[in-house]
Amino acid sequence: MKKIYEQYTRYNLWANQRLVDSFSTLTDEQLNAPVVSSFPSIRLTFLHIWDAEFCWLSRLNGVSPDAFPSKTFQGDMKAVFETVLGTSKQFADFVAAQPEDFLEKTVEFKTLSYGGGKQAAFEMMHHCMNHSSFHRGQLITLGRQLGLEKFPPTDFIYYLKETGQ
């Protein structure tokens, strides 16, 4: 099972990198433009992906954050992209460093919206990576509405093919 989650978190980093590369071609005005979606701009959607990955990784490390990190973030879009990718890499590195039995470990945590909980580590990882995929899909739709015509594939099967797995 560890191989699956190592692969899934590396895939997440790969897919996030592809979107960062695509969205880096847009202006700050486009990235901050009001949109109708779960979050009111592309920038805020990227920040939400970071918030979720940061919080779930922190919880897996035994720390339950008391606020989303984006609440105090002041960086430009380049910094947003670097922060998202940095956290995705930290998540993949964290998973790779864990012993196999960590995945089955029950982790207790506190969320920012629904209180305390406990979950198997692999379920927390799965939830977080799936959550990022969901919002990457939103970003692609929003990017198309703002004029980005082509996106590289971000499906898992393309990751496997590109990385020779």
N, C-alpha and C. Protein backbone atom coordinates (compact mmCIF):
# COMPACT_ATOMS: atom_id res chain seq x y z
N MET A 1 0.83 -1.20 0.00
CA MET A 1 0.00 0.00 0.00
C MET A 1 0.88 1.26 0.00
N LYS A 2 2.05 1.19 0.61
CA LYS A 2 2.89 2.38 0.66
C LYS A 2 3.24 2.85 -0.76
N LYS A 3 3.54 1.91 -1.64
CA LYS A 3 3.89 2.28 -3.02
C LYS A 3 2.76 3.07 -3.67
N ILE A 4 1.53 2.68 -3.41
CA ILE A 4 0.37 3.37 -3.98
C ILE A 4 0.34 4.83 -3.53
N TYR A 5 0.55 5.07 -2.25
CA TYR A 5 0.47 6.44 -1.74
C TYR A 5 1.71 7.26 -2.06
N GLU A 6 2.85 6.62 -2.17
CA GLU A 6 4.03 7.34 -2.67
C GLU A 6 3.76 7.80 -4.11
N GLN A 7 3.22 6.90 -4.90
CA GLN A 7 2.92 7.21 -6.30
C GLN A 7 1.85 8.29 -6.41
N TYR A 8 0.83 8.19 -5.58
CA TYR A 8 -0.29 9.14 -5.63
C TYR A 8 0.15 10.55 -5.22
N THR A 9 1.02 10.65 -4.22
CA THR A 9 1.48 11.97 -3.81
C THR A 9 2.49 12.55 -4.81
N ARG A 10 3.29 11.70 -5.44
CA ARG A 10 4.19 12.19 -6.51
C ARG A 10 3.37 12.64 -7.72
N TYR A 11 2.30 11.88 -8.02
CA TYR A 11 1.39 12.28 -9.10
C TYR A 11 0.78 13.65 -8.80
N ASN A 12 0.37 13.87 -7.57
CA ASN A 12 -0.22 15.15 -7.18
C ASN A 12 0.74 16.30 -7.45
N LEU A 13 2.00 16.13 -7.08
CA LEU A 13 3.01 17.15 -7.34
C LEU A 13 3.18 17.37 -8.84
N TRP A 14 3.25 16.31 -9.61
CA TRP A 14 3.37 16.38 -11.07
C TRP A 14 2.20 17.14 -11.68
N ALA A 15 0.98 16.81 -11.27
CA ALA A 15 -0.21 17.46 -11.81
C ALA A 15 -0.26 18.93 -11.41
N ASN A 16 0.09 19.23 -10.16
CA ASN A 16 0.11 20.62 -9.73
C ASN A 16 1.16 21.42 -10.51
N GLN A 17 2.31 20.80 -10.78
CA GLN A 17 3.34 21.48 -11.57
C GLN A 17 2.83 21.81 -12.97
N ARG A 18 2.10 20.89 -13.57
CA ARG A 18 1.55 21.13 -14.91
C ARG A 18 0.58 22.31 -14.92
N LEU A 19 -0.23 22.41 -13.89
CA LEU A 19 -1.16 23.54 -13.83
C LEU A 19 -0.44 24.84 -13.56
N VAL A 20 0.53 24.81 -12.68
CA VAL A 20 1.32 26.02 -12.42
C VAL A 20 1.98 26.48 -13.72
N ASP A 21 2.54 25.57 -14.49
CA ASP A 21 3.17 25.94 -15.76
C ASP A 21 2.16 26.59 -16.70
N SER A 22 0.96 26.05 -16.76
CA SER A 22 -0.08 26.61 -17.64
C SER A 22 -0.55 27.97 -17.16
N PHE A 23 -0.83 28.10 -15.87
CA PHE A 23 -1.37 29.35 -15.35
C PHE A 23 -0.32 30.45 -15.23
N SER A 24 0.94 30.09 -15.28
CA SER A 24 2.00 31.10 -15.23
C SER A 24 1.98 32.01 -16.45
N THR A 25 1.25 31.61 -17.49
CA THR A 25 1.17 32.44 -18.70
C THR A 25 0.11 33.54 -18.57
N LEU A 26 -0.73 33.48 -17.54
CA LEU A 26 -1.77 34.50 -17.35
C LEU A 26 -1.22 35.69 -16.58
N THR A 27 -1.87 36.82 -16.74
CA THR A 27 -1.48 38.02 -16.01
C THR A 27 -2.02 37.97 -14.59
N ASP A 28 -1.47 38.81 -13.72
CA ASP A 28 -1.99 38.91 -12.35
C ASP A 28 -3.46 39.33 -12.37
N GLU A 29 -3.80 40.19 -13.30
CA GLU A 29 -5.19 40.62 -13.42
C GLU A 29 -6.10 39.43 -13.71
N GLN A 30 -5.70 38.56 -14.61
CA GLN A 30 -6.51 37.38 -14.93
C GLN A 30 -6.57 36.42 -13.74
N LEU A 31 -5.45 36.23 -13.07
CA LEU A 31 -5.38 35.29 -11.96
C LEU A 31 -6.18 35.76 -10.74
N ASN A 32 -6.41 37.06 -10.66
CA ASN A 32 -7.18 37.62 -9.56
C ASN A 32 -8.59 38.05 -9.96
N ALA A 33 -8.94 37.85 -11.23
CA ALA A 33 -10.26 38.26 -11.73
C ALA A 33 -11.37 37.48 -11.03
N PRO A 34 -12.50 38.13 -10.76
CA PRO A 34 -13.64 37.42 -10.16
C PRO A 34 -14.16 36.32 -11.09
N VAL A 35 -14.39 35.15 -10.50
CA VAL A 35 -14.95 34.02 -11.23
C VAL A 35 -16.05 33.40 -10.37
N VAL A 36 -16.93 32.66 -11.03
CA VAL A 36 -17.99 31.95 -10.30
C VAL A 36 -17.53 30.50 -10.16
N SER A 37 -17.18 30.13 -8.96
CA SER A 37 -16.69 28.79 -8.67
C SER A 37 -16.69 28.61 -7.15
N SER A 38 -16.06 27.57 -6.69
CA SER A 38 -15.98 27.36 -5.23
C SER A 38 -15.26 28.50 -4.54
N PHE A 39 -14.29 29.09 -5.24
CA PHE A 39 -13.53 30.23 -4.73
C PHE A 39 -13.57 31.32 -5.78
N PRO A 40 -13.58 32.59 -5.37
CA PRO A 40 -13.87 33.67 -6.31
C PRO A 40 -12.73 34.13 -7.21
N SER A 41 -11.62 33.38 -7.29
CA SER A 41 -10.56 33.70 -8.25
C SER A 41 -9.67 32.48 -8.41
N ILE A 42 -8.88 32.50 -9.47
CA ILE A 42 -7.91 31.43 -9.68
C ILE A 42 -6.89 31.45 -8.54
N ARG A 43 -6.44 32.63 -8.18
CA ARG A 43 -5.48 32.76 -7.07
C ARG A 43 -6.01 32.09 -5.81
N LEU A 44 -7.25 32.39 -5.45
CA LEU A 44 -7.82 31.84 -4.22
C LEU A 44 -8.03 30.33 -4.32
N THR A 45 -8.26 29.82 -5.53
CA THR A 45 -8.39 28.37 -5.70
C THR A 45 -7.05 27.69 -5.48
N PHE A 46 -5.98 28.25 -6.05
CA PHE A 46 -4.64 27.72 -5.77
C PHE A 46 -4.32 27.78 -4.28
N LEU A 47 -4.66 28.89 -3.65
CA LEU A 47 -4.40 29.01 -2.21
C LEU A 47 -5.19 27.99 -1.41
N HIS A 48 -6.39 27.67 -1.86
CA HIS A 48 -7.19 26.65 -1.16
C HIS A 48 -6.53 25.27 -1.27
N ILE A 49 -6.00 24.96 -2.44
CA ILE A 49 -5.28 23.69 -2.59
C ILE A 49 -4.12 23.65 -1.59
N TRP A 50 -3.38 24.76 -1.51
CA TRP A 50 -2.28 24.83 -0.54
C TRP A 50 -2.79 24.66 0.88
N ASP A 51 -3.84 25.40 1.24
CA ASP A 51 -4.39 25.29 2.59
C ASP A 51 -4.69 23.84 2.95
N ALA A 52 -5.37 23.15 2.07
CA ALA A 52 -5.78 21.77 2.36
C ALA A 52 -4.57 20.84 2.47
N GLU A 53 -3.65 20.94 1.53
CA GLU A 53 -2.48 20.07 1.59
C GLU A 53 -1.65 20.37 2.83
N PHE A 54 -1.48 21.64 3.16
CA PHE A 54 -0.74 22.03 4.36
C PHE A 54 -1.40 21.47 5.62
N CYS A 55 -2.72 21.66 5.72
CA CYS A 55 -3.43 21.21 6.93
C CYS A 55 -3.40 19.70 7.08
N TRP A 56 -3.65 18.95 6.01
CA TRP A 56 -3.64 17.49 6.12
C TRP A 56 -2.24 16.96 6.38
N LEU A 57 -1.23 17.55 5.77
CA LEU A 57 0.13 17.14 6.05
C LEU A 57 0.50 17.45 7.50
N SER A 58 0.10 18.60 7.99
CA SER A 58 0.35 18.94 9.40
C SER A 58 -0.32 17.94 10.32
N ARG A 59 -1.56 17.59 10.03
CA ARG A 59 -2.28 16.63 10.87
C ARG A 59 -1.59 15.27 10.86
N LEU A 60 -1.10 14.85 9.69
CA LEU A 60 -0.36 13.59 9.63
C LEU A 60 0.91 13.65 10.46
N ASN A 61 1.44 14.83 10.64
CA ASN A 61 2.63 15.05 11.47
C ASN A 61 2.27 15.29 12.94
N GLY A 62 0.99 15.17 13.29
CA GLY A 62 0.57 15.31 14.67
C GLY A 62 0.24 16.72 15.12
N VAL A 63 0.12 17.65 14.18
CA VAL A 63 -0.18 19.04 14.50
C VAL A 63 -1.48 19.45 13.79
N SER A 64 -2.43 19.94 14.53
CA SER A 64 -3.67 20.43 13.93
C SER A 64 -3.62 21.96 13.86
N PRO A 65 -3.45 22.53 12.67
CA PRO A 65 -3.38 23.99 12.56
C PRO A 65 -4.64 24.65 13.09
N ASP A 66 -4.49 25.86 13.61
CA ASP A 66 -5.65 26.59 14.11
C ASP A 66 -6.13 27.65 13.12
N ALA A 67 -5.48 27.73 11.95
CA ALA A 67 -5.91 28.64 10.90
C ALA A 67 -5.32 28.18 9.57
N PHE A 68 -5.97 28.54 8.49
CA PHE A 68 -5.42 28.26 7.17
C PHE A 68 -4.22 29.17 6.93
N PRO A 69 -3.14 28.64 6.39
CA PRO A 69 -1.96 29.48 6.19
C PRO A 69 -2.19 30.64 5.21
N SER A 70 -3.13 30.49 4.31
CA SER A 70 -3.37 31.56 3.33
C SER A 70 -3.96 32.82 3.97
N LYS A 71 -4.49 32.69 5.16
CA LYS A 71 -5.11 33.86 5.82
C LYS A 71 -4.11 34.99 6.03
N THR A 72 -2.85 34.65 6.19
CA THR A 72 -1.83 35.68 6.42
C THR A 72 -0.84 35.78 5.26
N PHE A 73 -1.11 35.07 4.18
CA PHE A 73 -0.18 35.04 3.04
C PHE A 73 -0.28 36.34 2.25
N GLN A 74 0.86 36.93 1.95
CA GLN A 74 0.88 38.21 1.24
C GLN A 74 1.63 38.15 -0.08
N GLY A 75 2.08 36.99 -0.50
CA GLY A 75 2.92 36.88 -1.68
C GLY A 75 2.19 37.10 -2.99
N ASP A 76 2.99 37.34 -4.04
CA ASP A 76 2.45 37.47 -5.39
C ASP A 76 2.16 36.08 -5.96
N MET A 77 1.73 36.02 -7.21
CA MET A 77 1.35 34.73 -7.80
C MET A 77 2.54 33.80 -7.93
N LYS A 78 3.71 34.34 -8.22
CA LYS A 78 4.89 33.47 -8.27
C LYS A 78 5.08 32.78 -6.93
N ALA A 79 4.91 33.52 -5.85
CA ALA A 79 5.03 32.95 -4.51
C ALA A 79 3.91 31.95 -4.22
N VAL A 80 2.71 32.23 -4.71
CA VAL A 80 1.60 31.27 -4.55
C VAL A 80 1.98 29.95 -5.21
N PHE A 81 2.44 30.03 -6.46
CA PHE A 81 2.81 28.81 -7.19
C PHE A 81 3.93 28.06 -6.47
N GLU A 82 4.95 28.78 -6.03
CA GLU A 82 6.07 28.14 -5.33
C GLU A 82 5.61 27.48 -4.04
N THR A 83 4.70 28.13 -3.33
CA THR A 83 4.21 27.60 -2.06
C THR A 83 3.37 26.35 -2.27
N VAL A 84 2.50 26.37 -3.26
CA VAL A 84 1.69 25.18 -3.56
C VAL A 84 2.61 24.01 -3.91
N LEU A 85 3.55 24.24 -4.81
CA LEU A 85 4.44 23.16 -5.23
C LEU A 85 5.34 22.71 -4.09
N GLY A 86 5.79 23.64 -3.27
CA GLY A 86 6.63 23.27 -2.13
C GLY A 86 5.91 22.36 -1.16
N THR A 87 4.66 22.67 -0.88
CA THR A 87 3.89 21.84 0.05
C THR A 87 3.58 20.49 -0.58
N SER A 88 3.27 20.46 -1.87
CA SER A 88 3.02 19.18 -2.54
C SER A 88 4.27 18.30 -2.49
N LYS A 89 5.44 18.90 -2.66
CA LYS A 89 6.69 18.14 -2.57
C LYS A 89 6.92 17.65 -1.15
N GLN A 90 6.66 18.50 -0.16
CA GLN A 90 6.81 18.08 1.24
C GLN A 90 5.90 16.90 1.55
N PHE A 91 4.68 16.92 0.99
CA PHE A 91 3.74 15.83 1.22
C PHE A 91 4.29 14.54 0.63
N ALA A 92 4.78 14.59 -0.60
CA ALA A 92 5.33 13.40 -1.25
C ALA A 92 6.56 12.90 -0.48
N ASP A 93 7.41 13.80 -0.06
CA ASP A 93 8.61 13.41 0.70
C ASP A 93 8.22 12.79 2.04
N PHE A 94 7.21 13.35 2.69
CA PHE A 94 6.74 12.81 3.96
C PHE A 94 6.27 11.37 3.80
N VAL A 95 5.45 11.13 2.80
CA VAL A 95 4.93 9.78 2.58
C VAL A 95 6.07 8.81 2.29
N ALA A 96 7.02 9.23 1.46
CA ALA A 96 8.14 8.36 1.11
C ALA A 96 8.98 7.99 2.34
N ALA A 97 9.03 8.86 3.32
CA ALA A 97 9.86 8.64 4.52
C ALA A 97 9.18 7.78 5.58
N GLN A 98 7.89 7.48 5.41
CA GLN A 98 7.16 6.74 6.44
C GLN A 98 7.34 5.23 6.29
N PRO A 99 7.35 4.52 7.42
CA PRO A 99 7.34 3.06 7.32
C PRO A 99 5.97 2.58 6.84
N GLU A 100 5.93 1.42 6.27
CA GLU A 100 4.68 0.86 5.72
C GLU A 100 3.54 0.89 6.74
N ASP A 101 3.83 0.57 8.00
CA ASP A 101 2.75 0.48 8.98
C ASP A 101 2.17 1.85 9.36
N PHE A 102 2.84 2.93 9.01
CA PHE A 102 2.29 4.25 9.29
C PHE A 102 0.95 4.45 8.58
N LEU A 103 0.82 3.90 7.39
CA LEU A 103 -0.40 4.12 6.60
C LEU A 103 -1.65 3.62 7.32
N GLU A 104 -1.52 2.57 8.10
CA GLU A 104 -2.67 2.01 8.84
C GLU A 104 -2.88 2.69 10.19
N LYS A 105 -1.94 3.51 10.60
CA LYS A 105 -2.02 4.17 11.91
C LYS A 105 -3.24 5.09 11.96
N THR A 106 -3.95 5.07 13.07
CA THR A 106 -5.05 6.00 13.28
C THR A 106 -4.48 7.30 13.81
N VAL A 107 -4.84 8.38 13.15
CA VAL A 107 -4.34 9.70 13.51
C VAL A 107 -5.50 10.53 14.04
N GLU A 108 -5.33 11.09 15.22
CA GLU A 108 -6.33 11.99 15.78
C GLU A 108 -5.97 13.41 15.37
N PHE A 109 -7.00 14.20 15.08
CA PHE A 109 -6.76 15.56 14.61
C PHE A 109 -7.98 16.43 14.90
N LYS A 110 -7.78 17.72 14.72
CA LYS A 110 -8.86 18.69 14.85
C LYS A 110 -8.92 19.46 13.53
N THR A 111 -10.10 19.62 12.99
CA THR A 111 -10.25 20.39 11.76
C THR A 111 -10.64 21.84 12.10
N LEU A 112 -10.62 22.66 11.10
CA LEU A 112 -11.00 24.06 11.29
C LEU A 112 -12.50 24.26 11.13
N SER A 113 -13.20 23.23 10.61
CA SER A 113 -14.63 23.44 10.35
C SER A 113 -15.55 22.46 11.07
N TYR A 114 -15.13 21.25 11.35
CA TYR A 114 -16.07 20.32 11.98
C TYR A 114 -15.52 19.63 13.23
N GLY A 115 -14.54 20.22 13.87
CA GLY A 115 -14.07 19.69 15.15
C GLY A 115 -13.09 18.54 15.01
N GLY A 116 -13.08 17.70 16.04
CA GLY A 116 -12.12 16.62 16.10
C GLY A 116 -12.53 15.41 15.29
N GLY A 117 -11.51 14.61 15.00
CA GLY A 117 -11.75 13.38 14.28
C GLY A 117 -10.56 12.46 14.40
N LYS A 118 -10.72 11.27 13.88
CA LYS A 118 -9.60 10.33 13.79
C LYS A 118 -9.83 9.49 12.54
N GLN A 119 -8.73 9.21 11.88
CA GLN A 119 -8.81 8.53 10.60
C GLN A 119 -7.50 7.79 10.39
N ALA A 120 -7.55 6.73 9.60
CA ALA A 120 -6.32 6.06 9.20
C ALA A 120 -5.50 7.02 8.34
N ALA A 121 -4.19 7.00 8.50
CA ALA A 121 -3.32 7.91 7.76
C ALA A 121 -3.55 7.80 6.26
N PHE A 122 -3.69 6.58 5.73
CA PHE A 122 -3.87 6.43 4.29
C PHE A 122 -5.18 7.05 3.82
N GLU A 123 -6.20 7.04 4.65
CA GLU A 123 -7.47 7.67 4.29
C GLU A 123 -7.34 9.19 4.25
N MET A 124 -6.56 9.73 5.16
CA MET A 124 -6.31 11.18 5.17
C MET A 124 -5.54 11.58 3.90
N MET A 125 -4.54 10.79 3.56
CA MET A 125 -3.76 11.06 2.34
C MET A 125 -4.66 10.99 1.11
N HIS A 126 -5.47 9.94 1.06
CA HIS A 126 -6.34 9.75 -0.10
C HIS A 126 -7.32 10.92 -0.25
N HIS A 127 -7.91 11.30 0.86
CA HIS A 127 -8.83 12.43 0.84
C HIS A 127 -8.15 13.68 0.31
N CYS A 128 -6.98 13.98 0.82
CA CYS A 128 -6.28 15.21 0.45
C CYS A 128 -5.90 15.22 -1.03
N MET A 129 -5.38 14.12 -1.54
CA MET A 129 -4.98 14.07 -2.95
C MET A 129 -6.21 14.15 -3.86
N ASN A 130 -7.29 13.49 -3.46
CA ASN A 130 -8.53 13.58 -4.23
C ASN A 130 -9.08 15.00 -4.23
N HIS A 131 -9.00 15.66 -3.11
CA HIS A 131 -9.43 17.05 -2.97
C HIS A 131 -8.66 17.95 -3.94
N SER A 132 -7.35 17.76 -4.01
CA SER A 132 -6.55 18.56 -4.93
C SER A 132 -6.95 18.30 -6.38
N SER A 133 -7.23 17.04 -6.71
CA SER A 133 -7.67 16.71 -8.09
C SER A 133 -8.97 17.43 -8.43
N PHE A 134 -9.89 17.44 -7.48
CA PHE A 134 -11.17 18.12 -7.69
C PHE A 134 -10.95 19.59 -8.05
N HIS A 135 -10.12 20.26 -7.27
CA HIS A 135 -9.90 21.69 -7.52
C HIS A 135 -9.03 21.94 -8.76
N ARG A 136 -8.17 21.01 -9.13
CA ARG A 136 -7.45 21.16 -10.40
C ARG A 136 -8.44 21.14 -11.56
N GLY A 137 -9.46 20.32 -11.47
CA GLY A 137 -10.50 20.31 -12.50
C GLY A 137 -11.20 21.65 -12.59
N GLN A 138 -11.50 22.24 -11.45
CA GLN A 138 -12.10 23.58 -11.46
C GLN A 138 -11.16 24.58 -12.11
N LEU A 139 -9.88 24.52 -11.78
CA LEU A 139 -8.92 25.47 -12.34
C LEU A 139 -8.85 25.37 -13.85
N ILE A 140 -8.90 24.17 -14.38
CA ILE A 140 -8.86 24.01 -15.84
C ILE A 140 -10.09 24.67 -16.47
N THR A 141 -11.25 24.46 -15.89
CA THR A 141 -12.46 25.10 -16.42
C THR A 141 -12.34 26.62 -16.35
N LEU A 142 -11.87 27.14 -15.24
CA LEU A 142 -11.71 28.59 -15.09
C LEU A 142 -10.67 29.13 -16.07
N GLY A 143 -9.59 28.40 -16.25
CA GLY A 143 -8.56 28.83 -17.19
C GLY A 143 -9.09 28.91 -18.60
N ARG A 144 -9.90 27.96 -18.99
CA ARG A 144 -10.49 27.98 -20.34
C ARG A 144 -11.40 29.20 -20.50
N GLN A 145 -12.13 29.55 -19.46
CA GLN A 145 -13.00 30.72 -19.52
C GLN A 145 -12.20 32.01 -19.65
N LEU A 146 -10.94 31.98 -19.20
CA LEU A 146 -10.09 33.17 -19.27
C LEU A 146 -9.14 33.14 -20.47
N GLY A 147 -9.34 32.19 -21.37
CA GLY A 147 -8.58 32.20 -22.60
C GLY A 147 -7.48 31.17 -22.75
N LEU A 148 -7.21 30.38 -21.74
CA LEU A 148 -6.23 29.31 -21.90
C LEU A 148 -6.89 28.19 -22.71
N GLU A 149 -6.36 27.93 -23.87
CA GLU A 149 -7.01 26.97 -24.75
C GLU A 149 -6.51 25.54 -24.57
N LYS A 150 -5.26 25.39 -24.21
CA LYS A 150 -4.70 24.04 -24.09
C LYS A 150 -4.08 23.84 -22.73
N PHE A 151 -4.35 22.70 -22.18
CA PHE A 151 -3.74 22.27 -20.93
C PHE A 151 -3.10 20.91 -21.16
N PRO A 152 -1.97 20.65 -20.55
CA PRO A 152 -1.41 19.31 -20.65
C PRO A 152 -2.29 18.34 -19.86
N PRO A 153 -2.33 17.09 -20.26
CA PRO A 153 -3.13 16.13 -19.49
C PRO A 153 -2.64 16.04 -18.04
N THR A 154 -3.58 15.93 -17.13
CA THR A 154 -3.22 15.78 -15.72
C THR A 154 -3.79 14.50 -15.12
N ASP A 155 -4.33 13.63 -15.95
CA ASP A 155 -4.86 12.38 -15.45
C ASP A 155 -3.74 11.47 -14.95
N PHE A 156 -4.05 10.66 -13.97
CA PHE A 156 -3.09 9.75 -13.36
C PHE A 156 -2.44 8.84 -14.40
N ILE A 157 -3.22 8.35 -15.34
CA ILE A 157 -2.68 7.42 -16.34
C ILE A 157 -1.60 8.09 -17.19
N TYR A 158 -1.74 9.40 -17.44
CA TYR A 158 -0.71 10.13 -18.18
C TYR A 158 0.56 10.27 -17.33
N TYR A 159 0.38 10.46 -16.05
CA TYR A 159 1.54 10.50 -15.15
C TYR A 159 2.31 9.18 -15.23
N LEU A 160 1.58 8.07 -15.15
CA LEU A 160 2.23 6.75 -15.20
C LEU A 160 2.98 6.57 -16.52
N LYS A 161 2.34 6.95 -17.60
CA LYS A 161 2.97 6.80 -18.91
C LYS A 161 4.22 7.68 -19.02
N GLU A 162 4.09 8.95 -18.62
CA GLU A 162 5.21 9.88 -18.74
C GLU A 162 6.39 9.48 -17.85
N THR A 163 6.11 8.92 -16.71
CA THR A 163 7.18 8.55 -15.78
C THR A 163 7.64 7.11 -15.95
N GLY A 164 7.09 6.41 -16.94
CA GLY A 164 7.52 5.04 -17.23
C GLY A 164 7.14 4.02 -16.19
N GLN A 165 6.03 4.23 -15.55
CA GLN A 165 5.58 3.27 -14.51
C GLN A 165 4.49 2.36 -15.04
